[in-house]
Amino acid sequence: MTISVLATRLTKGTDLKIAVQEMVHKHHITAGSIASCVGCLSEINLRLAGAEKILAIVAPFEIVSVMGTLTPDHQHIHISVADNQGYVHGGHLMEGNIIDSTAEVIIHSYPQLSFSRGFDPSTGYSELIIKNN
């Protein structure tokens, strides 16, 4: 399997989710994943488990983990961040996660695959569909 690697450094004030969306569109990624993301945020906006609550906090956070499945129309991304006491918060990345000083993002693209999402009645959610090109 061929993997294309994209790497960028995001700067202060950039919205992490929007930046990833822009990378997917700019590089015509049909199937991708987030391989690494290291940096810090000044604001978080996370959808918590159960999809009923949003956690929005303005404070300094270190990014400790980011992972995601990237399709042309939807980026399903989860993030964990640590606050200045070392407490970790995590959830589904929404718009409004703002880079503080920097974030280093590495994305893997799989040119021989296409990812999309479709409703799965067994889960009640839009789930990943994987196709070989």
C-alpha atoms as a PDB file:
ATOM      1  CA  MET A   1       0.000   0.000   0.000  1.00  0.00           C
ATOM      2  CA  THR A   2       1.291   3.415  -0.962  1.00  0.00           C
ATOM      3  CA  ILE A   3       1.100   6.171   1.656  1.00  0.00           C
ATOM      4  CA  SER A   4       1.567   9.846   0.885  1.00  0.00           C
ATOM      5  CA  VAL A   5       2.719  12.006   3.788  1.00  0.00           C
ATOM      6  CA  LEU A   6       1.738  15.642   4.317  1.00  0.00           C
ATOM      7  CA  ALA A   7       3.279  17.722   7.062  1.00  0.00           C
ATOM      8  CA  THR A   8       2.585  21.272   8.171  1.00  0.00           C
ATOM      9  CA  ARG A   9       3.056  23.588  11.108  1.00  0.00           C
ATOM     10  CA  LEU A  10       0.011  25.576  12.113  1.00  0.00           C
ATOM     11  CA  THR A  11       0.446  28.931  13.805  1.00  0.00           C
ATOM     12  CA  LYS A  12      -1.228  30.922  16.567  1.00  0.00           C
ATOM     13  CA  GLY A  13      -4.897  31.683  16.022  1.00  0.00           C
ATOM     14  CA  THR A  14      -5.535  28.899  13.494  1.00  0.00           C
ATOM     15  CA  ASP A  15      -8.591  26.675  13.997  1.00  0.00           C
ATOM     16  CA  LEU A  16      -7.270  23.071  14.068  1.00  0.00           C
ATOM     17  CA  LYS A  17     -10.352  21.431  12.536  1.00  0.00           C
ATOM     18  CA  ILE A  18     -10.681  23.992   9.749  1.00  0.00           C
ATOM     19  CA  ALA A  19      -6.953  23.674   8.957  1.00  0.00           C
ATOM     20  CA  VAL A  20      -7.248  19.886   8.611  1.00  0.00           C
ATOM     21  CA  GLN A  21     -10.326  20.297   6.382  1.00  0.00           C
ATOM     22  CA  GLU A  22      -8.372  22.732   4.196  1.00  0.00           C
ATOM     23  CA  MET A  23      -5.458  20.278   3.894  1.00  0.00           C
ATOM     24  CA  VAL A  24      -7.836  17.488   2.841  1.00  0.00           C
ATOM     25  CA  HIS A  25      -9.367  19.680   0.128  1.00  0.00           C
ATOM     26  CA  LYS A  26      -6.125  21.307  -1.057  1.00  0.00           C
ATOM     27  CA  HIS A  27      -4.372  17.942  -1.502  1.00  0.00           C
ATOM     28  CA  HIS A  28      -7.465  16.110  -2.857  1.00  0.00           C
ATOM     29  CA  ILE A  29      -7.302  13.446  -0.144  1.00  0.00           C
ATOM     30  CA  THR A  30      -9.865  10.702  -0.820  1.00  0.00           C
ATOM     31  CA  ALA A  31      -8.806   8.586   2.166  1.00  0.00           C
ATOM     32  CA  GLY A  32      -6.587   9.719   5.002  1.00  0.00           C
ATOM     33  CA  SER A  33      -5.700   9.648   8.667  1.00  0.00           C
ATOM     34  CA  ILE A  34      -3.971  11.896  11.157  1.00  0.00           C
ATOM     35  CA  ALA A  35      -0.617  10.302  11.956  1.00  0.00           C
ATOM     36  CA  SER A  36       0.561  12.898  14.493  1.00  0.00           C
ATOM     37  CA  CYS A  37      -0.319  16.270  15.964  1.00  0.00           C
ATOM     38  CA  VAL A  38       1.826  17.953  18.599  1.00  0.00           C
ATOM     39  CA  GLY A  39       1.330  21.462  19.913  1.00  0.00           C
ATOM     40  CA  CYS A  40      -0.857  23.594  22.117  1.00  0.00           C
ATOM     41  CA  LEU A  41      -4.285  25.214  22.116  1.00  0.00           C
ATOM     42  CA  SER A  42      -5.613  28.377  23.705  1.00  0.00           C
ATOM     43  CA  GLU A  43      -9.246  27.239  23.394  1.00  0.00           C
ATOM     44  CA  ILE A  44     -10.940  23.870  23.217  1.00  0.00           C
ATOM     45  CA  ASN A  45     -14.371  22.990  21.876  1.00  0.00           C
ATOM     46  CA  LEU A  46     -15.049  19.254  22.173  1.00  0.00           C
ATOM     47  CA  ARG A  47     -18.169  17.152  21.778  1.00  0.00           C
ATOM     48  CA  LEU A  48     -18.163  14.701  24.659  1.00  0.00           C
ATOM     49  CA  ALA A  49     -19.171  11.025  24.623  1.00  0.00           C
ATOM     50  CA  GLY A  50     -22.862  10.505  23.967  1.00  0.00           C
ATOM     51  CA  ALA A  51     -22.939  13.531  21.622  1.00  0.00           C
ATOM     52  CA  GLU A  52     -25.086  15.526  24.050  1.00  0.00           C
ATOM     53  CA  LYS A  53     -22.587  17.902  25.698  1.00  0.00           C
ATOM     54  CA  ILE A  54     -19.972  20.324  24.411  1.00  0.00           C
ATOM     55  CA  LEU A  55     -16.911  21.165  26.517  1.00  0.00           C
ATOM     56  CA  ALA A  56     -15.724  24.701  25.699  1.00  0.00           C
ATOM     57  CA  ILE A  57     -12.844  26.188  27.722  1.00  0.00           C
ATOM     58  CA  VAL A  58     -10.521  29.133  27.095  1.00  0.00           C
ATOM     59  CA  ALA A  59      -7.219  28.243  28.785  1.00  0.00           C
ATOM     60  CA  PRO A  60      -3.803  26.866  27.792  1.00  0.00           C
ATOM     61  CA  PHE A  61      -3.760  23.191  26.781  1.00  0.00           C
ATOM     62  CA  GLU A  62      -1.077  20.813  25.511  1.00  0.00           C
ATOM     63  CA  ILE A  63      -2.184  18.463  22.728  1.00  0.00           C
ATOM     64  CA  VAL A  64      -1.399  14.936  23.924  1.00  0.00           C
ATOM     65  CA  SER A  65      -3.202  12.917  21.255  1.00  0.00           C
ATOM     66  CA  VAL A  66      -5.066  13.440  17.999  1.00  0.00           C
ATOM     67  CA  MET A  67      -6.405  10.755  15.696  1.00  0.00           C
ATOM     68  CA  GLY A  68      -8.847  10.877  12.862  1.00  0.00           C
ATOM     69  CA  THR A  69     -10.273   9.366   9.724  1.00  0.00           C
ATOM     70  CA  LEU A  70     -10.351  11.831   6.846  1.00  0.00           C
ATOM     71  CA  THR A  71     -12.805  11.739   3.953  1.00  0.00           C
ATOM     72  CA  PRO A  72     -13.358  14.464   1.360  1.00  0.00           C
ATOM     73  CA  ASP A  73     -16.652  15.486   2.984  1.00  0.00           C
ATOM     74  CA  HIS A  74     -16.099  14.689   6.668  1.00  0.00           C
ATOM     75  CA  GLN A  75     -13.174  14.598   9.058  1.00  0.00           C
ATOM     76  CA  HIS A  76     -13.895  12.371  12.089  1.00  0.00           C
ATOM     77  CA  ILE A  77     -11.267  13.522  14.587  1.00  0.00           C
ATOM     78  CA  HIS A  78     -10.787  12.828  18.304  1.00  0.00           C
ATOM     79  CA  ILE A  79      -8.419  14.817  20.506  1.00  0.00           C
ATOM     80  CA  SER A  80      -7.021  14.656  24.037  1.00  0.00           C
ATOM     81  CA  VAL A  81      -5.495  17.712  25.686  1.00  0.00           C
ATOM     82  CA  ALA A  82      -3.881  18.295  29.088  1.00  0.00           C
ATOM     83  CA  ASP A  83      -4.532  21.440  31.143  1.00  0.00           C
ATOM     84  CA  ASN A  84      -1.982  23.250  33.320  1.00  0.00           C
ATOM     85  CA  GLN A  85      -2.701  20.841  36.191  1.00  0.00           C
ATOM     86  CA  GLY A  86      -2.108  17.765  34.035  1.00  0.00           C
ATOM     87  CA  TYR A  87      -5.785  16.832  33.818  1.00  0.00           C
ATOM     88  CA  VAL A  88      -6.754  15.385  30.454  1.00  0.00           C
ATOM     89  CA  HIS A  89      -9.896  16.292  28.536  1.00  0.00           C
ATOM     90  CA  GLY A  90     -10.894  14.496  25.383  1.00  0.00           C
ATOM     91  CA  GLY A  91     -13.634  14.193  22.830  1.00  0.00           C
ATOM     92  CA  HIS A  92     -14.700  14.800  19.270  1.00  0.00           C
ATOM     93  CA  LEU A  93     -12.907  17.752  17.654  1.00  0.00           C
ATOM     94  CA  MET A  94     -15.303  20.540  16.720  1.00  0.00           C
ATOM     95  CA  GLU A  95     -14.565  23.907  15.133  1.00  0.00           C
ATOM     96  CA  GLY A  96     -13.246  26.338  17.727  1.00  0.00           C
ATOM     97  CA  ASN A  97     -10.063  24.534  18.833  1.00  0.00           C
ATOM     98  CA  ILE A  98      -7.617  27.393  18.445  1.00  0.00           C
ATOM     99  CA  ILE A  99      -3.854  26.932  18.141  1.00  0.00           C
ATOM    100  CA  ASP A 100      -1.845  28.813  20.768  1.00  0.00           C
ATOM    101  CA  SER A 101       1.811  29.024  19.700  1.00  0.00           C
ATOM    102  CA  THR A 102       2.039  26.125  17.223  1.00  0.00           C
ATOM    103  CA  ALA A 103       0.805  22.699  16.162  1.00  0.00           C
ATOM    104  CA  GLU A 104       2.759  20.246  14.020  1.00  0.00           C
ATOM    105  CA  VAL A 105       0.382  18.105  11.955  1.00  0.00           C
ATOM    106  CA  ILE A 106       1.246  15.018   9.903  1.00  0.00           C
ATOM    107  CA  ILE A 107      -1.411  13.439   7.700  1.00  0.00           C
ATOM    108  CA  HIS A 108      -1.221  10.132   5.847  1.00  0.00           C
ATOM    109  CA  SER A 109      -3.104   9.821   2.556  1.00  0.00           C
ATOM    110  CA  TYR A 110      -3.968   6.466   0.971  1.00  0.00           C
ATOM    111  CA  PRO A 111      -4.335   7.118  -2.797  1.00  0.00           C
ATOM    112  CA  GLN A 112      -5.577   3.618  -3.616  1.00  0.00           C
ATOM    113  CA  LEU A 113      -8.537   3.954  -1.214  1.00  0.00           C
ATOM    114  CA  SER A 114     -11.652   6.094  -0.987  1.00  0.00           C
ATOM    115  CA  PHE A 115     -13.287   6.825   2.358  1.00  0.00           C
ATOM    116  CA  SER A 116     -16.839   8.071   2.692  1.00  0.00           C
ATOM    117  CA  ARG A 117     -19.540   7.958   5.345  1.00  0.00           C
ATOM    118  CA  GLY A 118     -23.011   6.480   5.273  1.00  0.00           C
ATOM    119  CA  PHE A 119     -25.829   5.987   7.751  1.00  0.00           C
ATOM    120  CA  ASP A 120     -25.685   2.643   9.570  1.00  0.00           C
ATOM    121  CA  PRO A 121     -29.089   1.722  11.015  1.00  0.00           C
ATOM    122  CA  SER A 122     -27.461  -0.679  13.493  1.00  0.00           C
ATOM    123  CA  THR A 123     -25.562   2.181  15.191  1.00  0.00           C
ATOM    124  CA  GLY A 124     -27.748   5.147  14.309  1.00  0.00           C
ATOM    125  CA  TYR A 125     -24.685   7.091  13.120  1.00  0.00           C
ATOM    126  CA  SER A 126     -22.895   7.920   9.896  1.00  0.00           C
ATOM    127  CA  GLU A 127     -20.121   5.314   9.709  1.00  0.00           C
ATOM    128  CA  LEU A 128     -16.984   4.848   7.628  1.00  0.00           C
ATOM    129  CA  ILE A 129     -17.270   3.196   4.183  1.00  0.00           C
ATOM    130  CA  ILE A 130     -13.993   1.970   2.656  1.00  0.00           C
ATOM    131  CA  LYS A 131     -13.552   1.312  -1.075  1.00  0.00           C
ATOM    132  CA  ASN A 132     -10.554   0.285  -3.163  1.00  0.00           C
ATOM    133  CA  ASN A 133      -9.930   2.553  -6.160  1.00  0.00           C
END
